[in-house]
Amino acid sequence: MIPDIATIAAGLSEALPPELLAQLSCLPEEPPADFTCVICEREATNRWNYSPRDFERPPVCKSCETVTGYAWTGQSRHRTKPTGGTHRDKHEALRIDALADAIAEAATRRQWENKHGRA
């Protein structure tokens, strides 16, 4: 006999601490508030995103998270997605990669200005 959902939920509530049960909630997640991207300084909004998979999460917008630059032909170059982990972990890794690229680009620009003067 297969147990019903209520029996499973009752068993979980007795076995797991309340703070862990709060993390396992299947209720839809509230979208993050609108924010300004730290890389492109564009206002990112979640007004039309209904799925948590599509939410733009601070501090990096979805565009900066996925695009690493542009080719001379104008085509965008996309970041390579990590292969392991959950969907959320992959996006966290992409955001960290985008922030690291922005810091490295700012450092390179500062070194060039120190050597050649401000353009």
N, C-alpha and C. Protein backbone atom coordinates (compact mmCIF):
# COMPACT_ATOMS: atom_id res chain seq x y z
N MET A 1 0.84 -1.18 0.00
CA MET A 1 0.00 0.00 0.00
C MET A 1 0.88 1.25 0.00
N ILE A 2 0.58 2.19 -0.85
CA ILE A 2 1.33 3.45 -0.96
C ILE A 2 0.72 4.48 -0.01
N PRO A 3 1.54 5.11 0.86
CA PRO A 3 0.98 6.10 1.79
C PRO A 3 0.56 7.37 1.05
N ASP A 4 -0.46 8.04 1.60
CA ASP A 4 -0.92 9.28 0.97
C ASP A 4 -0.04 10.45 1.41
N ILE A 5 -0.24 11.59 0.78
CA ILE A 5 0.57 12.78 1.03
C ILE A 5 0.45 13.25 2.48
N ALA A 6 -0.74 13.19 3.04
CA ALA A 6 -0.94 13.66 4.42
C ALA A 6 -0.11 12.84 5.41
N THR A 7 -0.03 11.54 5.18
CA THR A 7 0.76 10.68 6.06
C THR A 7 2.24 11.00 5.96
N ILE A 8 2.70 11.23 4.73
CA ILE A 8 4.11 11.57 4.51
C ILE A 8 4.42 12.92 5.16
N ALA A 9 3.54 13.91 4.98
CA ALA A 9 3.76 15.24 5.56
C ALA A 9 3.78 15.18 7.08
N ALA A 10 2.90 14.38 7.67
CA ALA A 10 2.86 14.25 9.13
C ALA A 10 4.15 13.62 9.64
N GLY A 11 4.65 12.63 8.93
CA GLY A 11 5.91 11.99 9.31
C GLY A 11 7.08 12.94 9.20
N LEU A 12 7.09 13.79 8.15
CA LEU A 12 8.17 14.76 7.99
C LEU A 12 8.14 15.81 9.09
N SER A 13 6.95 16.28 9.44
CA SER A 13 6.87 17.33 10.45
C SER A 13 7.34 16.84 11.81
N GLU A 14 7.23 15.55 12.06
CA GLU A 14 7.71 15.01 13.33
C GLU A 14 9.22 14.75 13.29
N ALA A 15 9.74 14.41 12.14
CA ALA A 15 11.15 14.00 12.03
C ALA A 15 12.10 15.16 11.77
N LEU A 16 11.63 16.21 11.13
CA LEU A 16 12.53 17.30 10.73
C LEU A 16 12.31 18.54 11.58
N PRO A 17 13.37 19.32 11.84
CA PRO A 17 13.20 20.57 12.58
C PRO A 17 12.41 21.59 11.76
N PRO A 18 11.73 22.53 12.43
CA PRO A 18 10.88 23.49 11.72
C PRO A 18 11.64 24.36 10.73
N GLU A 19 12.89 24.76 11.04
CA GLU A 19 13.62 25.62 10.10
C GLU A 19 13.94 24.89 8.80
N LEU A 20 14.14 23.58 8.87
CA LEU A 20 14.37 22.80 7.65
C LEU A 20 13.06 22.62 6.89
N LEU A 21 11.97 22.43 7.58
CA LEU A 21 10.67 22.31 6.92
C LEU A 21 10.31 23.59 6.18
N ALA A 22 10.69 24.74 6.73
CA ALA A 22 10.40 26.01 6.05
C ALA A 22 11.14 26.09 4.72
N GLN A 23 12.33 25.51 4.64
CA GLN A 23 13.09 25.53 3.39
C GLN A 23 12.50 24.57 2.36
N LEU A 24 11.77 23.56 2.78
CA LEU A 24 11.21 22.57 1.88
C LEU A 24 9.81 22.95 1.39
N SER A 25 9.37 24.14 1.68
CA SER A 25 8.03 24.56 1.30
C SER A 25 7.86 24.52 -0.21
N CYS A 26 6.71 24.04 -0.66
CA CYS A 26 6.45 23.97 -2.09
C CYS A 26 5.64 25.17 -2.56
N LEU A 27 5.40 26.12 -1.68
CA LEU A 27 4.67 27.32 -2.08
C LEU A 27 5.54 28.16 -3.02
N PRO A 28 4.92 28.89 -3.95
CA PRO A 28 5.71 29.70 -4.87
C PRO A 28 6.51 30.77 -4.14
N GLU A 29 7.69 30.99 -4.63
CA GLU A 29 8.60 31.96 -4.03
C GLU A 29 8.24 33.37 -4.50
N GLU A 30 8.35 34.33 -3.61
CA GLU A 30 8.10 35.71 -3.99
C GLU A 30 9.25 36.21 -4.86
N PRO A 31 8.97 36.96 -5.92
CA PRO A 31 10.06 37.47 -6.75
C PRO A 31 10.86 38.52 -6.00
N PRO A 32 12.17 38.59 -6.24
CA PRO A 32 12.98 39.63 -5.61
C PRO A 32 12.52 41.01 -6.07
N ALA A 33 12.77 42.01 -5.26
CA ALA A 33 12.41 43.38 -5.62
C ALA A 33 13.26 43.85 -6.79
N ASP A 34 12.77 44.88 -7.49
CA ASP A 34 13.55 45.45 -8.59
C ASP A 34 14.88 45.97 -8.06
N PHE A 35 15.92 45.88 -8.89
CA PHE A 35 17.24 46.31 -8.46
C PHE A 35 18.02 46.84 -9.66
N THR A 36 19.12 47.51 -9.39
CA THR A 36 20.00 48.00 -10.44
C THR A 36 21.19 47.06 -10.55
N CYS A 37 21.45 46.59 -11.77
CA CYS A 37 22.56 45.66 -11.99
C CYS A 37 23.88 46.38 -11.71
N VAL A 38 24.78 45.70 -11.00
CA VAL A 38 26.06 46.33 -10.65
C VAL A 38 27.02 46.36 -11.83
N ILE A 39 26.77 45.58 -12.86
CA ILE A 39 27.68 45.55 -14.01
C ILE A 39 27.25 46.55 -15.07
N CYS A 40 26.01 46.43 -15.57
CA CYS A 40 25.56 47.31 -16.66
C CYS A 40 24.75 48.50 -16.17
N GLU A 41 24.43 48.53 -14.89
CA GLU A 41 23.67 49.61 -14.25
C GLU A 41 22.28 49.78 -14.87
N ARG A 42 21.71 48.68 -15.37
CA ARG A 42 20.36 48.67 -15.92
C ARG A 42 19.39 48.29 -14.81
N GLU A 43 18.20 48.86 -14.84
CA GLU A 43 17.17 48.53 -13.86
C GLU A 43 16.58 47.17 -14.22
N ALA A 44 16.74 46.19 -13.35
CA ALA A 44 16.22 44.84 -13.58
C ALA A 44 14.90 44.69 -12.85
N THR A 45 13.90 44.19 -13.55
CA THR A 45 12.58 44.05 -12.96
C THR A 45 12.09 42.62 -13.11
N ASN A 46 11.31 42.17 -12.17
CA ASN A 46 10.70 40.84 -12.22
C ASN A 46 9.20 40.94 -12.42
N ARG A 47 8.75 42.03 -12.99
CA ARG A 47 7.32 42.27 -13.11
C ARG A 47 6.63 41.19 -13.94
N TRP A 48 7.27 40.72 -15.01
CA TRP A 48 6.62 39.76 -15.91
C TRP A 48 7.16 38.35 -15.74
N ASN A 49 8.05 38.11 -14.80
CA ASN A 49 8.58 36.78 -14.58
C ASN A 49 7.72 36.07 -13.54
N TYR A 50 7.09 34.98 -13.95
CA TYR A 50 6.18 34.28 -13.04
C TYR A 50 6.81 33.03 -12.44
N SER A 51 7.91 32.57 -12.99
CA SER A 51 8.54 31.35 -12.50
C SER A 51 9.83 31.70 -11.76
N PRO A 52 10.08 31.08 -10.61
CA PRO A 52 11.35 31.34 -9.90
C PRO A 52 12.58 31.01 -10.74
N ARG A 53 12.44 30.13 -11.73
CA ARG A 53 13.57 29.82 -12.61
C ARG A 53 13.96 31.02 -13.44
N ASP A 54 13.01 31.93 -13.70
CA ASP A 54 13.27 33.08 -14.58
C ASP A 54 13.54 34.38 -13.82
N PHE A 55 13.50 34.35 -12.49
CA PHE A 55 13.70 35.58 -11.72
C PHE A 55 15.09 36.14 -11.96
N GLU A 56 15.17 37.45 -12.07
CA GLU A 56 16.46 38.12 -12.07
C GLU A 56 16.80 38.37 -10.61
N ARG A 57 17.94 37.87 -10.19
CA ARG A 57 18.32 37.96 -8.77
C ARG A 57 19.48 38.93 -8.60
N PRO A 58 19.40 39.77 -7.56
CA PRO A 58 20.48 40.74 -7.33
C PRO A 58 21.79 40.04 -7.08
N PRO A 59 22.91 40.61 -7.39
CA PRO A 59 23.13 41.97 -7.91
C PRO A 59 23.34 42.02 -9.43
N VAL A 60 23.14 40.88 -10.15
CA VAL A 60 23.44 40.83 -11.58
C VAL A 60 22.17 40.52 -12.36
N CYS A 61 21.93 41.27 -13.44
CA CYS A 61 20.74 41.03 -14.27
C CYS A 61 20.95 39.78 -15.13
N LYS A 62 19.88 39.31 -15.74
CA LYS A 62 19.91 38.09 -16.54
C LYS A 62 20.83 38.24 -17.76
N SER A 63 20.86 39.42 -18.35
CA SER A 63 21.70 39.64 -19.52
C SER A 63 23.18 39.54 -19.16
N CYS A 64 23.60 40.19 -18.10
CA CYS A 64 25.01 40.13 -17.68
C CYS A 64 25.37 38.73 -17.17
N GLU A 65 24.37 38.01 -16.65
CA GLU A 65 24.61 36.66 -16.17
C GLU A 65 24.94 35.71 -17.31
N THR A 66 24.31 35.91 -18.46
CA THR A 66 24.46 34.95 -19.56
C THR A 66 25.42 35.39 -20.65
N VAL A 67 25.56 36.69 -20.89
CA VAL A 67 26.39 37.18 -22.00
C VAL A 67 27.73 37.64 -21.46
N THR A 68 28.81 37.14 -22.06
CA THR A 68 30.15 37.50 -21.60
C THR A 68 30.78 38.61 -22.44
N GLY A 69 30.24 38.89 -23.58
CA GLY A 69 30.78 39.94 -24.44
C GLY A 69 30.19 39.81 -25.83
N TYR A 70 30.72 40.60 -26.75
CA TYR A 70 30.21 40.61 -28.11
C TYR A 70 31.37 40.45 -29.09
N ALA A 71 31.13 39.69 -30.14
CA ALA A 71 32.12 39.51 -31.19
C ALA A 71 32.16 40.78 -32.05
N TRP A 72 33.18 40.90 -32.88
CA TRP A 72 33.29 42.10 -33.71
C TRP A 72 32.14 42.19 -34.71
N THR A 73 31.44 41.06 -34.95
CA THR A 73 30.29 41.08 -35.86
C THR A 73 29.02 41.52 -35.16
N GLY A 74 29.08 41.68 -33.84
CA GLY A 74 27.91 42.11 -33.08
C GLY A 74 27.16 40.98 -32.43
N GLN A 75 27.56 39.73 -32.70
CA GLN A 75 26.89 38.60 -32.08
C GLN A 75 27.35 38.46 -30.63
N SER A 76 26.41 38.10 -29.76
CA SER A 76 26.76 37.97 -28.35
C SER A 76 27.47 36.65 -28.09
N ARG A 77 28.40 36.68 -27.14
CA ARG A 77 29.10 35.48 -26.70
C ARG A 77 28.50 35.09 -25.36
N HIS A 78 28.03 33.87 -25.28
CA HIS A 78 27.37 33.41 -24.06
C HIS A 78 28.33 32.64 -23.18
N ARG A 79 28.12 32.76 -21.88
CA ARG A 79 28.93 32.02 -20.91
C ARG A 79 28.62 30.53 -21.02
N THR A 80 29.60 29.71 -20.74
CA THR A 80 29.40 28.27 -20.69
C THR A 80 28.79 27.92 -19.34
N LYS A 81 27.66 27.26 -19.36
CA LYS A 81 26.99 26.90 -18.11
C LYS A 81 27.73 25.76 -17.43
N PRO A 82 27.77 25.79 -16.11
CA PRO A 82 28.36 24.67 -15.37
C PRO A 82 27.57 23.39 -15.63
N THR A 83 28.22 22.25 -15.50
CA THR A 83 27.56 20.99 -15.82
C THR A 83 26.95 20.32 -14.60
N GLY A 84 27.44 20.57 -13.40
CA GLY A 84 26.92 19.90 -12.21
C GLY A 84 26.09 20.82 -11.35
N GLY A 85 25.34 20.22 -10.46
CA GLY A 85 24.56 21.00 -9.50
C GLY A 85 23.13 21.23 -9.95
N THR A 86 22.36 21.86 -9.07
CA THR A 86 20.97 22.16 -9.38
C THR A 86 20.88 23.37 -10.28
N HIS A 87 19.67 23.63 -10.77
CA HIS A 87 19.44 24.80 -11.63
C HIS A 87 19.86 26.09 -10.92
N ARG A 88 19.49 26.21 -9.66
CA ARG A 88 19.82 27.43 -8.90
C ARG A 88 21.33 27.55 -8.69
N ASP A 89 22.01 26.43 -8.41
CA ASP A 89 23.46 26.46 -8.23
C ASP A 89 24.17 26.90 -9.50
N LYS A 90 23.68 26.45 -10.65
CA LYS A 90 24.29 26.83 -11.93
C LYS A 90 24.18 28.34 -12.15
N HIS A 91 23.02 28.89 -11.81
CA HIS A 91 22.85 30.34 -11.98
C HIS A 91 23.67 31.13 -10.97
N GLU A 92 23.83 30.60 -9.77
CA GLU A 92 24.72 31.26 -8.79
C GLU A 92 26.15 31.28 -9.32
N ALA A 93 26.59 30.17 -9.92
CA ALA A 93 27.94 30.10 -10.49
C ALA A 93 28.08 31.09 -11.65
N LEU A 94 27.05 31.23 -12.47
CA LEU A 94 27.11 32.20 -13.58
C LEU A 94 27.19 33.62 -13.06
N ARG A 95 26.45 33.93 -11.98
CA ARG A 95 26.51 35.28 -11.41
C ARG A 95 27.89 35.57 -10.83
N ILE A 96 28.47 34.59 -10.16
CA ILE A 96 29.82 34.77 -9.61
C ILE A 96 30.82 34.99 -10.74
N ASP A 97 30.68 34.22 -11.83
CA ASP A 97 31.55 34.37 -12.99
C ASP A 97 31.41 35.76 -13.61
N ALA A 98 30.18 36.25 -13.71
CA ALA A 98 29.95 37.58 -14.28
C ALA A 98 30.59 38.67 -13.41
N LEU A 99 30.44 38.55 -12.09
CA LEU A 99 31.06 39.53 -11.18
C LEU A 99 32.58 39.48 -11.26
N ALA A 100 33.14 38.27 -11.35
CA ALA A 100 34.60 38.14 -11.46
C ALA A 100 35.10 38.75 -12.76
N ASP A 101 34.37 38.54 -13.86
CA ASP A 101 34.76 39.16 -15.13
C ASP A 101 34.70 40.68 -15.05
N ALA A 102 33.69 41.21 -14.40
CA ALA A 102 33.57 42.66 -14.28
C ALA A 102 34.70 43.24 -13.45
N ILE A 103 35.08 42.56 -12.38
CA ILE A 103 36.20 43.02 -11.54
C ILE A 103 37.50 42.95 -12.32
N ALA A 104 37.72 41.86 -13.06
CA ALA A 104 38.94 41.72 -13.86
C ALA A 104 39.02 42.78 -14.95
N GLU A 105 37.88 43.08 -15.58
CA GLU A 105 37.86 44.12 -16.62
C GLU A 105 38.16 45.50 -16.04
N ALA A 106 37.61 45.79 -14.87
CA ALA A 106 37.88 47.08 -14.22
C ALA A 106 39.35 47.19 -13.83
N ALA A 107 39.93 46.09 -13.35
CA ALA A 107 41.36 46.11 -12.98
C ALA A 107 42.24 46.31 -14.21
N THR A 108 41.90 45.65 -15.31
CA THR A 108 42.67 45.81 -16.55
C THR A 108 42.57 47.24 -17.06
N ARG A 109 41.38 47.81 -17.00
CA ARG A 109 41.18 49.20 -17.44
C ARG A 109 42.00 50.15 -16.57
N ARG A 110 42.04 49.90 -15.26
CA ARG A 110 42.81 50.75 -14.33
C ARG A 110 44.31 50.65 -14.62
N GLN A 111 44.81 49.44 -14.90
CA GLN A 111 46.23 49.27 -15.24
C GLN A 111 46.57 50.00 -16.54
N TRP A 112 45.68 49.93 -17.52
CA TRP A 112 45.93 50.60 -18.79
C TRP A 112 45.98 52.11 -18.57
N GLU A 113 45.04 52.64 -17.76
CA GLU A 113 45.02 54.08 -17.50
C GLU A 113 46.26 54.52 -16.76
N ASN A 114 46.76 53.69 -15.83
CA ASN A 114 47.98 54.04 -15.10
C ASN A 114 49.19 54.09 -16.04
N LYS A 115 49.22 53.22 -17.02
CA LYS A 115 50.35 53.15 -17.93
C LYS A 115 50.27 54.18 -19.04
N HIS A 116 49.07 54.38 -19.62
CA HIS A 116 48.92 55.22 -20.80
C HIS A 116 48.18 56.52 -20.55
N GLY A 117 47.66 56.71 -19.39
CA GLY A 117 46.85 57.90 -19.12
C GLY A 117 45.40 57.64 -19.46
N ARG A 118 44.54 58.49 -18.95
CA ARG A 118 43.10 58.31 -19.14
C ARG A 118 42.75 58.61 -20.59
N ALA A 119 41.92 57.74 -21.19
CA ALA A 119 41.53 57.93 -22.59
C ALA A 119 40.40 58.91 -22.72
